[in-house]
Amino acid sequence: MLNAPHDAEWVYRMIRSSLVELFRIDPSRITPEARLADDLEIDSIDTVDLVDQVKRATGRKVSAEDFRSVRTVSDLVQAVERLVRP
């Protein structure tokens, strides 16, 4: 995954596959509008695992501050896009 272009579609696919792999979420539930906590039942402990997965996939350092305003899958995609921009 590290060699893939880091565009919005790549980021969305990476996040979607991470959510499915880590938390066994049905892919049909993962939409840009899906709220991580309310719709996908991602709690603070799960967030740590997800951040670690993002860090491995992108090769970038990730801090809690980077994700402070993330509420939806779309918010998460945008936050990761900001991290991987050259």
N, C-alpha and C. Protein backbone atom coordinates (compact mmCIF):
# COMPACT_ATOMS: atom_id res chain seq x y z
N MET A 1 0.80 -1.20 0.00
CA MET A 1 0.00 0.00 0.00
C MET A 1 0.84 1.27 0.00
N LEU A 2 2.03 1.21 0.51
CA LEU A 2 2.86 2.40 0.62
C LEU A 2 3.18 3.02 -0.73
N ASN A 3 3.21 2.22 -1.78
CA ASN A 3 3.57 2.75 -3.09
C ASN A 3 2.37 3.26 -3.87
N ALA A 4 1.19 3.09 -3.34
CA ALA A 4 -0.02 3.53 -4.04
C ALA A 4 -0.12 5.06 -3.98
N PRO A 5 -0.70 5.66 -5.00
CA PRO A 5 -0.90 7.11 -4.94
C PRO A 5 -1.86 7.43 -3.80
N HIS A 6 -1.58 8.49 -3.11
CA HIS A 6 -2.38 8.85 -1.94
C HIS A 6 -3.45 9.88 -2.30
N ASP A 7 -4.33 9.53 -3.22
CA ASP A 7 -5.43 10.42 -3.56
C ASP A 7 -6.65 10.06 -2.72
N ALA A 8 -7.71 10.83 -2.86
CA ALA A 8 -8.91 10.62 -2.04
C ALA A 8 -9.47 9.21 -2.19
N GLU A 9 -9.47 8.70 -3.41
CA GLU A 9 -10.02 7.36 -3.63
C GLU A 9 -9.16 6.30 -2.94
N TRP A 10 -7.85 6.43 -3.03
CA TRP A 10 -6.94 5.50 -2.35
C TRP A 10 -7.16 5.56 -0.84
N VAL A 11 -7.25 6.77 -0.30
CA VAL A 11 -7.45 6.94 1.14
C VAL A 11 -8.77 6.31 1.57
N TYR A 12 -9.84 6.56 0.82
CA TYR A 12 -11.14 5.98 1.15
C TYR A 12 -11.08 4.45 1.13
N ARG A 13 -10.47 3.88 0.09
CA ARG A 13 -10.36 2.41 0.01
C ARG A 13 -9.54 1.85 1.16
N MET A 14 -8.46 2.54 1.52
CA MET A 14 -7.61 2.09 2.63
C MET A 14 -8.38 2.12 3.95
N ILE A 15 -9.13 3.20 4.18
CA ILE A 15 -9.91 3.31 5.42
C ILE A 15 -11.01 2.27 5.43
N ARG A 16 -11.68 2.11 4.33
CA ARG A 16 -12.77 1.12 4.25
C ARG A 16 -12.24 -0.28 4.52
N SER A 17 -11.15 -0.65 3.89
CA SER A 17 -10.61 -2.00 4.11
C SER A 17 -10.10 -2.15 5.55
N SER A 18 -9.58 -1.08 6.12
CA SER A 18 -9.13 -1.14 7.52
C SER A 18 -10.30 -1.36 8.47
N LEU A 19 -11.40 -0.66 8.23
CA LEU A 19 -12.59 -0.82 9.08
C LEU A 19 -13.15 -2.23 8.98
N VAL A 20 -13.15 -2.78 7.79
CA VAL A 20 -13.64 -4.14 7.59
C VAL A 20 -12.71 -5.13 8.28
N GLU A 21 -11.41 -4.98 8.05
CA GLU A 21 -10.43 -5.91 8.59
C GLU A 21 -10.34 -5.85 10.12
N LEU A 22 -10.25 -4.64 10.65
CA LEU A 22 -10.04 -4.48 12.10
C LEU A 22 -11.30 -4.76 12.92
N PHE A 23 -12.46 -4.31 12.41
CA PHE A 23 -13.67 -4.34 13.23
C PHE A 23 -14.80 -5.18 12.67
N ARG A 24 -14.52 -5.87 11.56
CA ARG A 24 -15.52 -6.76 10.94
C ARG A 24 -16.82 -6.02 10.62
N ILE A 25 -16.69 -4.80 10.13
CA ILE A 25 -17.86 -4.00 9.76
C ILE A 25 -18.27 -4.38 8.34
N ASP A 26 -19.56 -4.56 8.15
CA ASP A 26 -20.09 -4.87 6.82
C ASP A 26 -19.75 -3.70 5.89
N PRO A 27 -19.07 -3.96 4.78
CA PRO A 27 -18.67 -2.88 3.87
C PRO A 27 -19.83 -1.99 3.42
N SER A 28 -21.04 -2.53 3.34
CA SER A 28 -22.18 -1.72 2.90
C SER A 28 -22.53 -0.63 3.91
N ARG A 29 -22.10 -0.78 5.16
CA ARG A 29 -22.36 0.24 6.19
C ARG A 29 -21.36 1.39 6.14
N ILE A 30 -20.26 1.19 5.42
CA ILE A 30 -19.18 2.19 5.39
C ILE A 30 -19.41 3.11 4.20
N THR A 31 -19.99 4.26 4.50
CA THR A 31 -20.25 5.29 3.50
C THR A 31 -19.56 6.57 3.95
N PRO A 32 -19.37 7.52 3.07
CA PRO A 32 -18.74 8.77 3.49
C PRO A 32 -19.49 9.47 4.63
N GLU A 33 -20.81 9.33 4.65
CA GLU A 33 -21.62 10.00 5.67
C GLU A 33 -21.69 9.23 6.99
N ALA A 34 -21.25 7.99 7.01
CA ALA A 34 -21.36 7.16 8.22
C ALA A 34 -20.56 7.79 9.36
N ARG A 35 -21.22 7.93 10.50
CA ARG A 35 -20.56 8.47 11.70
C ARG A 35 -19.81 7.33 12.38
N LEU A 36 -18.54 7.57 12.66
CA LEU A 36 -17.70 6.51 13.22
C LEU A 36 -18.27 5.96 14.52
N ALA A 37 -18.60 6.82 15.46
CA ALA A 37 -19.08 6.36 16.76
C ALA A 37 -20.53 5.86 16.69
N ASP A 38 -21.41 6.66 16.14
CA ASP A 38 -22.84 6.34 16.17
C ASP A 38 -23.26 5.25 15.19
N ASP A 39 -22.75 5.32 13.96
CA ASP A 39 -23.18 4.37 12.94
C ASP A 39 -22.33 3.11 12.87
N LEU A 40 -21.02 3.29 13.09
CA LEU A 40 -20.10 2.16 12.95
C LEU A 40 -19.61 1.61 14.28
N GLU A 41 -20.02 2.25 15.37
CA GLU A 41 -19.71 1.80 16.73
C GLU A 41 -18.21 1.71 17.00
N ILE A 42 -17.45 2.71 16.48
CA ILE A 42 -16.02 2.79 16.72
C ILE A 42 -15.83 3.60 18.01
N ASP A 43 -15.25 2.98 19.04
CA ASP A 43 -15.04 3.69 20.30
C ASP A 43 -13.60 4.19 20.39
N SER A 44 -13.24 4.80 21.50
CA SER A 44 -11.91 5.40 21.63
C SER A 44 -10.79 4.37 21.56
N ILE A 45 -11.03 3.18 22.07
CA ILE A 45 -10.02 2.11 21.99
C ILE A 45 -9.84 1.69 20.53
N ASP A 46 -10.96 1.54 19.82
CA ASP A 46 -10.90 1.19 18.41
C ASP A 46 -10.16 2.25 17.60
N THR A 47 -10.33 3.51 17.99
CA THR A 47 -9.68 4.61 17.28
C THR A 47 -8.17 4.48 17.34
N VAL A 48 -7.64 4.03 18.46
CA VAL A 48 -6.20 3.83 18.59
C VAL A 48 -5.73 2.80 17.56
N ASP A 49 -6.46 1.71 17.41
CA ASP A 49 -6.11 0.69 16.42
C ASP A 49 -6.20 1.25 15.00
N LEU A 50 -7.23 2.04 14.74
CA LEU A 50 -7.42 2.62 13.42
C LEU A 50 -6.31 3.61 13.09
N VAL A 51 -5.93 4.43 14.05
CA VAL A 51 -4.83 5.39 13.84
C VAL A 51 -3.53 4.64 13.56
N ASP A 52 -3.29 3.56 14.28
CA ASP A 52 -2.09 2.75 14.05
C ASP A 52 -2.10 2.17 12.63
N GLN A 53 -3.24 1.71 12.19
CA GLN A 53 -3.36 1.17 10.83
C GLN A 53 -3.09 2.25 9.79
N VAL A 54 -3.62 3.45 10.01
CA VAL A 54 -3.39 4.56 9.09
C VAL A 54 -1.90 4.90 9.04
N LYS A 55 -1.27 4.89 10.20
CA LYS A 55 0.16 5.20 10.28
C LYS A 55 0.97 4.19 9.47
N ARG A 56 0.63 2.91 9.61
CA ARG A 56 1.35 1.86 8.84
C ARG A 56 1.10 1.98 7.35
N ALA A 57 -0.14 2.26 6.97
CA ALA A 57 -0.50 2.32 5.55
C ALA A 57 0.10 3.53 4.84
N THR A 58 0.23 4.64 5.56
CA THR A 58 0.71 5.87 4.94
C THR A 58 2.19 6.12 5.19
N GLY A 59 2.74 5.50 6.23
CA GLY A 59 4.12 5.76 6.58
C GLY A 59 4.32 7.12 7.22
N ARG A 60 3.23 7.74 7.66
CA ARG A 60 3.28 9.07 8.26
C ARG A 60 2.98 9.00 9.75
N LYS A 61 3.60 9.90 10.50
CA LYS A 61 3.31 10.02 11.92
C LYS A 61 1.91 10.61 12.07
N VAL A 62 1.13 10.04 12.96
CA VAL A 62 -0.24 10.47 13.17
C VAL A 62 -0.40 10.81 14.64
N SER A 63 -1.01 11.96 14.92
CA SER A 63 -1.25 12.35 16.30
C SER A 63 -2.75 12.44 16.56
N ALA A 64 -3.11 12.43 17.82
CA ALA A 64 -4.52 12.57 18.18
C ALA A 64 -5.08 13.89 17.67
N GLU A 65 -4.25 14.92 17.66
CA GLU A 65 -4.67 16.24 17.17
C GLU A 65 -5.13 16.18 15.71
N ASP A 66 -4.49 15.33 14.93
CA ASP A 66 -4.85 15.19 13.52
C ASP A 66 -6.29 14.72 13.34
N PHE A 67 -6.82 14.03 14.33
CA PHE A 67 -8.15 13.43 14.21
C PHE A 67 -9.17 14.01 15.19
N ARG A 68 -8.83 15.12 15.84
CA ARG A 68 -9.71 15.70 16.86
C ARG A 68 -11.11 16.01 16.34
N SER A 69 -11.22 16.51 15.12
CA SER A 69 -12.53 16.91 14.59
C SER A 69 -13.18 15.85 13.71
N VAL A 70 -12.62 14.66 13.66
CA VAL A 70 -13.16 13.59 12.82
C VAL A 70 -14.41 12.99 13.46
N ARG A 71 -15.48 13.00 12.70
CA ARG A 71 -16.73 12.39 13.17
C ARG A 71 -17.27 11.35 12.18
N THR A 72 -17.02 11.58 10.89
CA THR A 72 -17.55 10.69 9.86
C THR A 72 -16.41 10.06 9.07
N VAL A 73 -16.77 9.09 8.25
CA VAL A 73 -15.78 8.48 7.36
C VAL A 73 -15.19 9.55 6.44
N SER A 74 -16.02 10.43 5.94
CA SER A 74 -15.54 11.51 5.06
C SER A 74 -14.55 12.41 5.80
N ASP A 75 -14.84 12.77 7.06
CA ASP A 75 -13.90 13.56 7.86
C ASP A 75 -12.57 12.84 7.98
N LEU A 76 -12.63 11.54 8.19
CA LEU A 76 -11.41 10.75 8.33
C LEU A 76 -10.60 10.74 7.03
N VAL A 77 -11.28 10.58 5.91
CA VAL A 77 -10.61 10.62 4.61
C VAL A 77 -9.90 11.96 4.44
N GLN A 78 -10.58 13.05 4.75
CA GLN A 78 -9.98 14.38 4.60
C GLN A 78 -8.78 14.56 5.52
N ALA A 79 -8.88 14.08 6.75
CA ALA A 79 -7.76 14.19 7.70
C ALA A 79 -6.54 13.42 7.20
N VAL A 80 -6.78 12.22 6.68
CA VAL A 80 -5.66 11.41 6.17
C VAL A 80 -5.08 12.06 4.92
N GLU A 81 -5.93 12.60 4.06
CA GLU A 81 -5.43 13.29 2.87
C GLU A 81 -4.50 14.43 3.25
N ARG A 82 -4.84 15.18 4.30
CA ARG A 82 -3.98 16.27 4.75
C ARG A 82 -2.62 15.73 5.22
N LEU A 83 -2.63 14.56 5.84
CA LEU A 83 -1.38 13.96 6.33
C LEU A 83 -0.47 13.52 5.19
N VAL A 84 -1.04 13.05 4.11
CA VAL A 84 -0.23 12.45 3.05
C VAL A 84 0.09 13.40 1.90
N ARG A 85 -0.44 14.61 1.95
CA ARG A 85 -0.12 15.58 0.89
C ARG A 85 1.37 15.88 0.90
N PRO A 86 1.94 15.96 -0.29
CA PRO A 86 3.39 16.27 -0.36
C PRO A 86 3.68 17.69 0.09
